[in-house]
Amino acid sequence: MTATPISEPSHWLTDLSASARLALSCLDLTSLNAEDTEADIARLCERAQSPFGPVAAVCVWPRLAAFARRQLPAHIAVAAVANFPDGGFDVQRAVRDTAEIVQSGAQEVDVVMPYARLLSGNETSVAQLLSAVRAACPGLLLKVILETGELKDPALIARASHLSLDAGADFLKTSTGKTTASATPEAARTMLNAIAAHSSAMGRVGFKPSGGIRIVADAAVYMALTSEILGPQALNPQRFRLGASSVLTDIEAILGGQSQPVAARFGAY
């Protein structure tokens, strides 16, 4: 992963243990395979209760959200996806997914923005779908997935961010993890700047990088960017999440004292 420059040094880029602890507490542990069963989700929920502490949430399909909720203690949230992974423009489908999530007892909705409509210049369709989903899940945390790897253009990513914030998003999320390009520091900076500049989002809305984050060193780049732009007070599960399930193995290795030296892991940054 190529990192965008950080304007000031950050201890998240040098203190591997601190980064691992924060990553664990902010992790959305995810399983979104088409063939997922209750047995798969039972294993996911067991994994979410790490010997080093719990993750922030598990993220599953709507059909498995109620099961996940029954497997977990109350302090671990359940998130489920809507309009996923294609981000099509079918408002009724997106609202159906959302209603199923609400009825399951889950606390969070991760909805994919209809990014192809934005690419074609149809902002009205984007706003319509996002507003309908927001209205269908009052009181639940709403994360809007922009699919930044498909949008590519920073101006489009900024516009997607503003449309999501105007529709009532509680989090901006980079990617589904199902496309070729996922989270990048450059897209993250654009999204974080949009949050910081939006009158109703600043101090409230969170950021979730997702896709392509494999080790704690990757996650630390996004921690540093979030701290730089939103402030260090934003580095908590209420304002920062990681969609990076594979990083849990690295977190546990670091916290268990089995990791490489810090210099070897962070030298590329």
C-alpha atoms as a PDB file:
ATOM      1  CA  MET A   1       0.000   0.000   0.000  1.00  0.00           C
ATOM      2  CA  THR A   2       1.374   3.461  -0.887  1.00  0.00           C
ATOM      3  CA  ALA A   3       0.707   5.980   1.837  1.00  0.00           C
ATOM      4  CA  THR A   4      -0.094   9.631   1.336  1.00  0.00           C
ATOM      5  CA  PRO A   5       2.230  11.919   3.298  1.00  0.00           C
ATOM      6  CA  ILE A   6       1.200  12.714   6.860  1.00  0.00           C
ATOM      7  CA  SER A   7       1.758  16.386   7.587  1.00  0.00           C
ATOM      8  CA  GLU A   8       2.997  15.781  11.145  1.00  0.00           C
ATOM      9  CA  PRO A   9       4.608  12.726  12.751  1.00  0.00           C
ATOM     10  CA  SER A  10       2.088  10.509  14.517  1.00  0.00           C
ATOM     11  CA  HIS A  11       2.712   7.998  17.258  1.00  0.00           C
ATOM     12  CA  TRP A  12       0.217   5.719  15.491  1.00  0.00           C
ATOM     13  CA  LEU A  13       2.963   5.238  12.883  1.00  0.00           C
ATOM     14  CA  THR A  14       5.612   4.364  15.464  1.00  0.00           C
ATOM     15  CA  ASP A  15       3.860   2.695  18.405  1.00  0.00           C
ATOM     16  CA  LEU A  16       2.814  -0.706  17.100  1.00  0.00           C
ATOM     17  CA  SER A  17       1.171  -1.883  20.323  1.00  0.00           C
ATOM     18  CA  ALA A  18      -0.941   1.261  20.675  1.00  0.00           C
ATOM     19  CA  SER A  19      -2.034   0.962  17.048  1.00  0.00           C
ATOM     20  CA  ALA A  20      -2.960  -2.694  17.544  1.00  0.00           C
ATOM     21  CA  ARG A  21      -5.038  -1.955  20.643  1.00  0.00           C
ATOM     22  CA  LEU A  22      -6.915   0.836  18.872  1.00  0.00           C
ATOM     23  CA  ALA A  23      -7.413  -1.278  15.755  1.00  0.00           C
ATOM     24  CA  LEU A  24      -8.951  -4.074  17.826  1.00  0.00           C
ATOM     25  CA  SER A  25     -11.390  -1.770  19.600  1.00  0.00           C
ATOM     26  CA  CYS A  26     -12.452  -0.161  16.293  1.00  0.00           C
ATOM     27  CA  LEU A  27     -12.626  -3.303  14.151  1.00  0.00           C
ATOM     28  CA  ASP A  28     -15.769  -4.323  12.247  1.00  0.00           C
ATOM     29  CA  LEU A  29     -15.133  -8.065  11.947  1.00  0.00           C
ATOM     30  CA  THR A  30     -16.849  -9.061   8.729  1.00  0.00           C
ATOM     31  CA  SER A  31     -18.078 -12.109   6.839  1.00  0.00           C
ATOM     32  CA  LEU A  32     -19.929 -11.400   3.610  1.00  0.00           C
ATOM     33  CA  ASN A  33     -19.443 -14.545   1.563  1.00  0.00           C
ATOM     34  CA  ALA A  34     -22.459 -15.555  -0.504  1.00  0.00           C
ATOM     35  CA  GLU A  35     -22.440 -19.042   1.025  1.00  0.00           C
ATOM     36  CA  ASP A  36     -22.220 -17.924   4.687  1.00  0.00           C
ATOM     37  CA  THR A  37     -24.180 -20.093   7.129  1.00  0.00           C
ATOM     38  CA  GLU A  38     -25.076 -19.774  10.794  1.00  0.00           C
ATOM     39  CA  ALA A  39     -22.085 -21.980  11.595  1.00  0.00           C
ATOM     40  CA  ASP A  40     -19.791 -19.503   9.832  1.00  0.00           C
ATOM     41  CA  ILE A  41     -21.286 -16.598  11.753  1.00  0.00           C
ATOM     42  CA  ALA A  42     -21.048 -18.475  15.058  1.00  0.00           C
ATOM     43  CA  ARG A  43     -17.304 -18.797  14.438  1.00  0.00           C
ATOM     44  CA  LEU A  44     -17.094 -15.119  13.502  1.00  0.00           C
ATOM     45  CA  CYS A  45     -18.834 -14.101  16.708  1.00  0.00           C
ATOM     46  CA  GLU A  46     -16.491 -16.262  18.756  1.00  0.00           C
ATOM     47  CA  ARG A  47     -13.530 -14.648  17.020  1.00  0.00           C
ATOM     48  CA  ALA A  48     -14.969 -11.207  17.800  1.00  0.00           C
ATOM     49  CA  GLN A  49     -14.421 -11.883  21.490  1.00  0.00           C
ATOM     50  CA  SER A  50     -10.643 -11.879  21.322  1.00  0.00           C
ATOM     51  CA  PRO A  51      -8.526 -12.784  24.356  1.00  0.00           C
ATOM     52  CA  PHE A  52      -7.123  -9.247  24.047  1.00  0.00           C
ATOM     53  CA  GLY A  53     -10.543  -7.591  24.065  1.00  0.00           C
ATOM     54  CA  PRO A  54     -13.674  -7.299  21.930  1.00  0.00           C
ATOM     55  CA  VAL A  55     -14.037  -5.818  18.474  1.00  0.00           C
ATOM     56  CA  ALA A  56     -16.453  -2.936  17.906  1.00  0.00           C
ATOM     57  CA  ALA A  57     -18.906  -4.867  15.730  1.00  0.00           C
ATOM     58  CA  VAL A  58     -19.469  -7.822  13.458  1.00  0.00           C
ATOM     59  CA  CYS A  59     -20.824  -7.197   9.962  1.00  0.00           C
ATOM     60  CA  VAL A  60     -22.936  -9.813   8.163  1.00  0.00           C
ATOM     61  CA  TRP A  61     -25.716 -10.275   5.619  1.00  0.00           C
ATOM     62  CA  PRO A  62     -29.189  -9.138   6.740  1.00  0.00           C
ATOM     63  CA  ARG A  63     -30.413 -12.754   6.722  1.00  0.00           C
ATOM     64  CA  LEU A  64     -27.824 -13.612   9.397  1.00  0.00           C
ATOM     65  CA  ALA A  65     -28.030 -10.456  11.514  1.00  0.00           C
ATOM     66  CA  ALA A  66     -30.577 -11.780  14.020  1.00  0.00           C
ATOM     67  CA  PHE A  67     -28.503 -14.912  14.521  1.00  0.00           C
ATOM     68  CA  ALA A  68     -25.350 -12.835  15.067  1.00  0.00           C
ATOM     69  CA  ARG A  69     -27.141 -10.651  17.583  1.00  0.00           C
ATOM     70  CA  ARG A  70     -28.057 -13.740  19.633  1.00  0.00           C
ATOM     71  CA  GLN A  71     -24.435 -14.920  19.693  1.00  0.00           C
ATOM     72  CA  LEU A  72     -22.884 -11.724  21.012  1.00  0.00           C
ATOM     73  CA  PRO A  73     -22.801  -9.743  24.244  1.00  0.00           C
ATOM     74  CA  ALA A  74     -24.529  -6.382  24.124  1.00  0.00           C
ATOM     75  CA  HIS A  75     -21.278  -4.398  23.992  1.00  0.00           C
ATOM     76  CA  ILE A  76     -20.411  -5.800  20.540  1.00  0.00           C
ATOM     77  CA  ALA A  77     -22.640  -4.273  17.876  1.00  0.00           C
ATOM     78  CA  VAL A  78     -24.109  -6.065  14.882  1.00  0.00           C
ATOM     79  CA  ALA A  79     -23.959  -4.374  11.497  1.00  0.00           C
ATOM     80  CA  ALA A  80     -25.482  -5.668   8.278  1.00  0.00           C
ATOM     81  CA  VAL A  81     -25.269  -4.556   4.668  1.00  0.00           C
ATOM     82  CA  ALA A  82     -27.892  -3.043   2.382  1.00  0.00           C
ATOM     83  CA  ASN A  83     -27.801  -2.607  -1.395  1.00  0.00           C
ATOM     84  CA  PHE A  84     -24.652  -4.727  -1.263  1.00  0.00           C
ATOM     85  CA  PRO A  85     -22.283  -5.174  -2.994  1.00  0.00           C
ATOM     86  CA  ASP A  86     -23.340  -3.717  -6.340  1.00  0.00           C
ATOM     87  CA  GLY A  87     -24.779  -0.395  -5.171  1.00  0.00           C
ATOM     88  CA  GLY A  88     -27.583  -0.580  -7.711  1.00  0.00           C
ATOM     89  CA  PHE A  89     -30.426   1.893  -7.906  1.00  0.00           C
ATOM     90  CA  ASP A  90     -33.381  -0.039  -6.553  1.00  0.00           C
ATOM     91  CA  VAL A  91     -34.782   1.978  -3.680  1.00  0.00           C
ATOM     92  CA  GLN A  92     -37.296  -0.709  -2.727  1.00  0.00           C
ATOM     93  CA  ARG A  93     -34.559  -3.352  -2.483  1.00  0.00           C
ATOM     94  CA  ALA A  94     -32.357  -1.082  -0.364  1.00  0.00           C
ATOM     95  CA  VAL A  95     -35.257  -0.264   1.950  1.00  0.00           C
ATOM     96  CA  ARG A  96     -36.200  -3.966   2.211  1.00  0.00           C
ATOM     97  CA  ASP A  97     -32.648  -4.826   3.209  1.00  0.00           C
ATOM     98  CA  THR A  98     -32.696  -2.032   5.758  1.00  0.00           C
ATOM     99  CA  ALA A  99     -36.039  -3.088   7.220  1.00  0.00           C
ATOM    100  CA  GLU A 100     -34.727  -6.631   7.654  1.00  0.00           C
ATOM    101  CA  ILE A 101     -31.699  -5.253   9.492  1.00  0.00           C
ATOM    102  CA  VAL A 102     -33.896  -3.142  11.772  1.00  0.00           C
ATOM    103  CA  GLN A 103     -36.140  -6.105  12.551  1.00  0.00           C
ATOM    104  CA  SER A 104     -33.141  -8.317  13.342  1.00  0.00           C
ATOM    105  CA  GLY A 105     -32.136  -6.212  16.329  1.00  0.00           C
ATOM    106  CA  ALA A 106     -28.883  -5.089  14.704  1.00  0.00           C
ATOM    107  CA  GLN A 107     -27.547  -1.639  15.549  1.00  0.00           C
ATOM    108  CA  GLU A 108     -25.825  -0.599  12.322  1.00  0.00           C
ATOM    109  CA  VAL A 109     -26.544  -0.428   8.579  1.00  0.00           C
ATOM    110  CA  ASP A 110     -23.756  -0.337   5.961  1.00  0.00           C
ATOM    111  CA  VAL A 111     -25.396   0.765   2.701  1.00  0.00           C
ATOM    112  CA  VAL A 112     -23.719   1.000  -0.698  1.00  0.00           C
ATOM    113  CA  MET A 113     -24.291   4.305  -2.457  1.00  0.00           C
ATOM    114  CA  PRO A 114     -25.534   3.916  -6.065  1.00  0.00           C
ATOM    115  CA  TYR A 115     -22.164   5.128  -7.284  1.00  0.00           C
ATOM    116  CA  ALA A 116     -22.828   4.359 -10.954  1.00  0.00           C
ATOM    117  CA  ARG A 117     -25.620   6.954 -10.848  1.00  0.00           C
ATOM    118  CA  LEU A 118     -23.172   9.486  -9.461  1.00  0.00           C
ATOM    119  CA  LEU A 119     -20.686   8.634 -12.211  1.00  0.00           C
ATOM    120  CA  SER A 120     -23.425   9.340 -14.768  1.00  0.00           C
ATOM    121  CA  GLY A 121     -24.219  12.691 -13.136  1.00  0.00           C
ATOM    122  CA  ASN A 122     -27.536  11.657 -11.564  1.00  0.00           C
ATOM    123  CA  GLU A 123     -27.136  13.083  -8.060  1.00  0.00           C
ATOM    124  CA  THR A 124     -30.890  13.124  -7.487  1.00  0.00           C
ATOM    125  CA  SER A 125     -31.051   9.317  -7.622  1.00  0.00           C
ATOM    126  CA  VAL A 126     -28.187   9.037  -5.154  1.00  0.00           C
ATOM    127  CA  ALA A 127     -29.840  11.381  -2.696  1.00  0.00           C
ATOM    128  CA  GLN A 128     -33.195   9.618  -3.098  1.00  0.00           C
ATOM    129  CA  LEU A 129     -31.850   6.174  -2.218  1.00  0.00           C
ATOM    130  CA  LEU A 130     -29.722   7.353   0.696  1.00  0.00           C
ATOM    131  CA  SER A 131     -32.543   9.420   2.170  1.00  0.00           C
ATOM    132  CA  ALA A 132     -34.939   6.468   1.902  1.00  0.00           C
ATOM    133  CA  VAL A 133     -32.501   4.191   3.726  1.00  0.00           C
ATOM    134  CA  ARG A 134     -31.896   6.826   6.399  1.00  0.00           C
ATOM    135  CA  ALA A 135     -35.648   7.135   6.970  1.00  0.00           C
ATOM    136  CA  ALA A 136     -35.994   3.337   7.196  1.00  0.00           C
ATOM    137  CA  CYS A 137     -33.496   2.965  10.067  1.00  0.00           C
ATOM    138  CA  PRO A 138     -34.155   5.710  12.626  1.00  0.00           C
ATOM    139  CA  GLY A 139     -31.880   5.419  15.619  1.00  0.00           C
ATOM    140  CA  LEU A 140     -29.453   3.015  13.921  1.00  0.00           C
ATOM    141  CA  LEU A 141     -25.912   3.945  12.942  1.00  0.00           C
ATOM    142  CA  LEU A 142     -25.790   4.483   9.175  1.00  0.00           C
ATOM    143  CA  LYS A 143     -22.519   3.960   7.302  1.00  0.00           C
ATOM    144  CA  VAL A 144     -22.549   4.926   3.627  1.00  0.00           C
ATOM    145  CA  ILE A 145     -20.118   3.019   1.381  1.00  0.00           C
ATOM    146  CA  LEU A 146     -18.894   5.287  -1.416  1.00  0.00           C
ATOM    147  CA  GLU A 147     -16.892   2.671  -3.383  1.00  0.00           C
ATOM    148  CA  THR A 148     -14.058   5.130  -3.859  1.00  0.00           C
ATOM    149  CA  GLY A 149     -12.031   2.757  -6.034  1.00  0.00           C
ATOM    150  CA  GLU A 150     -14.746   3.025  -8.677  1.00  0.00           C
ATOM    151  CA  LEU A 151     -15.269   6.778  -8.314  1.00  0.00           C
ATOM    152  CA  LYS A 152     -11.494   7.396  -8.587  1.00  0.00           C
ATOM    153  CA  ASP A 153     -11.713  11.186  -9.138  1.00  0.00           C
ATOM    154  CA  PRO A 154     -11.144  13.141  -5.896  1.00  0.00           C
ATOM    155  CA  ALA A 155     -13.832  15.622  -6.934  1.00  0.00           C
ATOM    156  CA  LEU A 156     -16.354  12.788  -7.296  1.00  0.00           C
ATOM    157  CA  ILE A 157     -15.297  11.299  -3.959  1.00  0.00           C
ATOM    158  CA  ALA A 158     -15.774  14.686  -2.327  1.00  0.00           C
ATOM    159  CA  ARG A 159     -19.204  15.041  -3.945  1.00  0.00           C
ATOM    160  CA  ALA A 160     -20.220  11.531  -2.847  1.00  0.00           C
ATOM    161  CA  SER A 161     -19.144  12.417   0.679  1.00  0.00           C
ATOM    162  CA  HIS A 162     -21.229  15.578   0.750  1.00  0.00           C
ATOM    163  CA  LEU A 163     -24.317  13.839  -0.650  1.00  0.00           C
ATOM    164  CA  SER A 164     -23.993  11.143   2.012  1.00  0.00           C
ATOM    165  CA  LEU A 165     -23.574  13.665   4.803  1.00  0.00           C
ATOM    166  CA  ASP A 166     -26.548  15.686   3.557  1.00  0.00           C
ATOM    167  CA  ALA A 167     -28.634  12.484   3.637  1.00  0.00           C
ATOM    168  CA  GLY A 168     -27.802  11.894   7.306  1.00  0.00           C
ATOM    169  CA  ALA A 169     -24.862   9.459   7.230  1.00  0.00           C
ATOM    170  CA  ASP A 170     -23.217   8.744  10.582  1.00  0.00           C
ATOM    171  CA  PHE A 171     -20.098   7.294   8.929  1.00  0.00           C
ATOM    172  CA  LEU A 172     -18.430   7.529   5.551  1.00  0.00           C
ATOM    173  CA  LYS A 173     -16.923   4.208   4.451  1.00  0.00           C
ATOM    174  CA  THR A 174     -14.525   3.832   1.544  1.00  0.00           C
ATOM    175  CA  SER A 175     -15.305   0.489  -0.034  1.00  0.00           C
ATOM    176  CA  THR A 176     -17.174  -2.807  -0.131  1.00  0.00           C
ATOM    177  CA  GLY A 177     -13.937  -4.758  -0.447  1.00  0.00           C
ATOM    178  CA  LYS A 178     -15.502  -6.509  -3.446  1.00  0.00           C
ATOM    179  CA  THR A 179     -13.928  -4.400  -6.209  1.00  0.00           C
ATOM    180  CA  THR A 180     -10.378  -4.292  -7.552  1.00  0.00           C
ATOM    181  CA  ALA A 181      -9.479  -1.018  -5.818  1.00  0.00           C
ATOM    182  CA  SER A 182     -10.459  -0.431  -2.210  1.00  0.00           C
ATOM    183  CA  ALA A 183      -9.323   2.028   0.456  1.00  0.00           C
ATOM    184  CA  THR A 184      -6.459   4.410  -0.304  1.00  0.00           C
ATOM    185  CA  PRO A 185      -4.976   7.151   1.875  1.00  0.00           C
ATOM    186  CA  GLU A 186      -5.706   9.669  -0.869  1.00  0.00           C
ATOM    187  CA  ALA A 187      -9.431   8.854  -0.882  1.00  0.00           C
ATOM    188  CA  ALA A 188      -9.422   8.837   2.915  1.00  0.00           C
ATOM    189  CA  ARG A 189      -8.015  12.350   3.048  1.00  0.00           C
ATOM    190  CA  THR A 190     -10.725  13.601   0.700  1.00  0.00           C
ATOM    191  CA  MET A 191     -13.477  11.972   2.778  1.00  0.00           C
ATOM    192  CA  LEU A 192     -12.066  13.182   6.087  1.00  0.00           C
ATOM    193  CA  ASN A 193     -11.787  16.726   4.765  1.00  0.00           C
ATOM    194  CA  ALA A 194     -15.431  16.545   3.678  1.00  0.00           C
ATOM    195  CA  ILE A 195     -16.469  15.515   7.195  1.00  0.00           C
ATOM    196  CA  ALA A 196     -14.380  18.289   8.740  1.00  0.00           C
ATOM    197  CA  ALA A 197     -15.906  20.899   6.409  1.00  0.00           C
ATOM    198  CA  HIS A 198     -19.570  19.858   6.722  1.00  0.00           C
ATOM    199  CA  SER A 199     -21.518  21.941   9.216  1.00  0.00           C
ATOM    200  CA  SER A 200     -23.615  19.092  10.624  1.00  0.00           C
ATOM    201  CA  ALA A 201     -20.921  16.396  10.423  1.00  0.00           C
ATOM    202  CA  MET A 202     -17.943  17.992  12.110  1.00  0.00           C
ATOM    203  CA  GLY A 203     -17.571  16.543  15.597  1.00  0.00           C
ATOM    204  CA  ARG A 204     -20.197  13.834  14.963  1.00  0.00           C
ATOM    205  CA  VAL A 205     -19.644  11.767  11.804  1.00  0.00           C
ATOM    206  CA  GLY A 206     -17.082   8.968  11.673  1.00  0.00           C
ATOM    207  CA  PHE A 207     -14.816   7.427   9.045  1.00  0.00           C
ATOM    208  CA  LYS A 208     -14.335   3.771   8.072  1.00  0.00           C
ATOM    209  CA  PRO A 209     -11.575   2.651   5.707  1.00  0.00           C
ATOM    210  CA  SER A 210     -12.335  -0.777   4.287  1.00  0.00           C
ATOM    211  CA  GLY A 211     -10.618  -3.164   1.893  1.00  0.00           C
ATOM    212  CA  GLY A 212      -6.941  -3.815   1.337  1.00  0.00           C
ATOM    213  CA  ILE A 213      -5.943  -3.269   4.964  1.00  0.00           C
ATOM    214  CA  ARG A 214      -4.029  -6.418   5.884  1.00  0.00           C
ATOM    215  CA  ILE A 215      -1.772  -5.536   8.806  1.00  0.00           C
ATOM    216  CA  VAL A 216      -1.708  -3.046  11.656  1.00  0.00           C
ATOM    217  CA  ALA A 217       0.847  -0.907   9.807  1.00  0.00           C
ATOM    218  CA  ASP A 218      -1.756  -0.356   7.064  1.00  0.00           C
ATOM    219  CA  ALA A 219      -4.430   0.573   9.597  1.00  0.00           C
ATOM    220  CA  ALA A 220      -2.084   3.000  11.357  1.00  0.00           C
ATOM    221  CA  VAL A 221      -1.889   5.193   8.255  1.00  0.00           C
ATOM    222  CA  TYR A 222      -5.650   5.774   8.483  1.00  0.00           C
ATOM    223  CA  MET A 223      -5.449   6.371  12.230  1.00  0.00           C
ATOM    224  CA  ALA A 224      -2.836   9.059  11.637  1.00  0.00           C
ATOM    225  CA  LEU A 225      -4.901  10.713   8.896  1.00  0.00           C
ATOM    226  CA  THR A 226      -8.047  10.671  11.029  1.00  0.00           C
ATOM    227  CA  SER A 227      -6.211  12.162  13.988  1.00  0.00           C
ATOM    228  CA  GLU A 228      -4.656  14.832  11.781  1.00  0.00           C
ATOM    229  CA  ILE A 229      -7.912  15.955  10.143  1.00  0.00           C
ATOM    230  CA  LEU A 230     -10.677  15.195  12.665  1.00  0.00           C
ATOM    231  CA  GLY A 231      -8.531  15.404  15.788  1.00  0.00           C
ATOM    232  CA  PRO A 232      -7.269  12.728  18.181  1.00  0.00           C
ATOM    233  CA  GLN A 233     -10.646  12.718  19.937  1.00  0.00           C
ATOM    234  CA  ALA A 234     -12.119  11.034  16.830  1.00  0.00           C
ATOM    235  CA  LEU A 235     -10.037   7.883  17.340  1.00  0.00           C
ATOM    236  CA  ASN A 236     -12.638   5.792  19.121  1.00  0.00           C
ATOM    237  CA  PRO A 237     -15.272   3.285  17.939  1.00  0.00           C
ATOM    238  CA  GLN A 238     -17.925   6.015  17.804  1.00  0.00           C
ATOM    239  CA  ARG A 239     -15.987   7.931  15.124  1.00  0.00           C
ATOM    240  CA  PHE A 240     -13.485   5.475  13.622  1.00  0.00           C
ATOM    241  CA  ARG A 241     -13.929   1.921  12.353  1.00  0.00           C
ATOM    242  CA  LEU A 242     -11.823  -0.488  10.335  1.00  0.00           C
ATOM    243  CA  GLY A 243     -13.301  -2.827   7.753  1.00  0.00           C
ATOM    244  CA  ALA A 244     -10.288  -5.090   7.868  1.00  0.00           C
ATOM    245  CA  SER A 245     -11.042  -8.548   9.205  1.00  0.00           C
ATOM    246  CA  SER A 246      -7.724 -10.048   8.125  1.00  0.00           C
ATOM    247  CA  VAL A 247      -5.880  -7.579  10.341  1.00  0.00           C
ATOM    248  CA  LEU A 248      -7.133  -9.375  13.475  1.00  0.00           C
ATOM    249  CA  THR A 249      -4.461 -12.053  13.124  1.00  0.00           C
ATOM    250  CA  ASP A 250      -1.780  -9.368  13.052  1.00  0.00           C
ATOM    251  CA  ILE A 251      -3.351  -7.549  16.015  1.00  0.00           C
ATOM    252  CA  GLU A 252      -3.273 -10.710  18.101  1.00  0.00           C
ATOM    253  CA  ALA A 253       0.317 -11.464  17.094  1.00  0.00           C
ATOM    254  CA  ILE A 254       1.419  -7.982  18.121  1.00  0.00           C
ATOM    255  CA  LEU A 255      -0.450  -7.954  21.415  1.00  0.00           C
ATOM    256  CA  GLY A 256       0.761 -11.482  22.101  1.00  0.00           C
ATOM    257  CA  GLY A 257       4.381 -10.417  21.619  1.00  0.00           C
ATOM    258  CA  GLN A 258       4.948 -12.368  18.396  1.00  0.00           C
ATOM    259  CA  SER A 259       5.359  -9.461  15.960  1.00  0.00           C
ATOM    260  CA  GLN A 260       8.270  -8.052  13.987  1.00  0.00           C
ATOM    261  CA  PRO A 261      10.150  -5.025  15.320  1.00  0.00           C
ATOM    262  CA  VAL A 262       8.415  -1.697  14.799  1.00  0.00           C
ATOM    263  CA  ALA A 263      11.075  -0.371  12.407  1.00  0.00           C
ATOM    264  CA  ALA A 264      10.680  -3.346  10.078  1.00  0.00           C
ATOM    265  CA  ARG A 265       6.928  -2.925   9.853  1.00  0.00           C
ATOM    266  CA  PHE A 266       6.708   0.852   9.539  1.00  0.00           C
ATOM    267  CA  GLY A 267       9.795   1.503   7.438  1.00  0.00           C
ATOM    268  CA  ALA A 268       7.720   2.006   4.265  1.00  0.00           C
ATOM    269  CA  TYR A 269       5.855   4.908   5.815  1.00  0.00           C
END
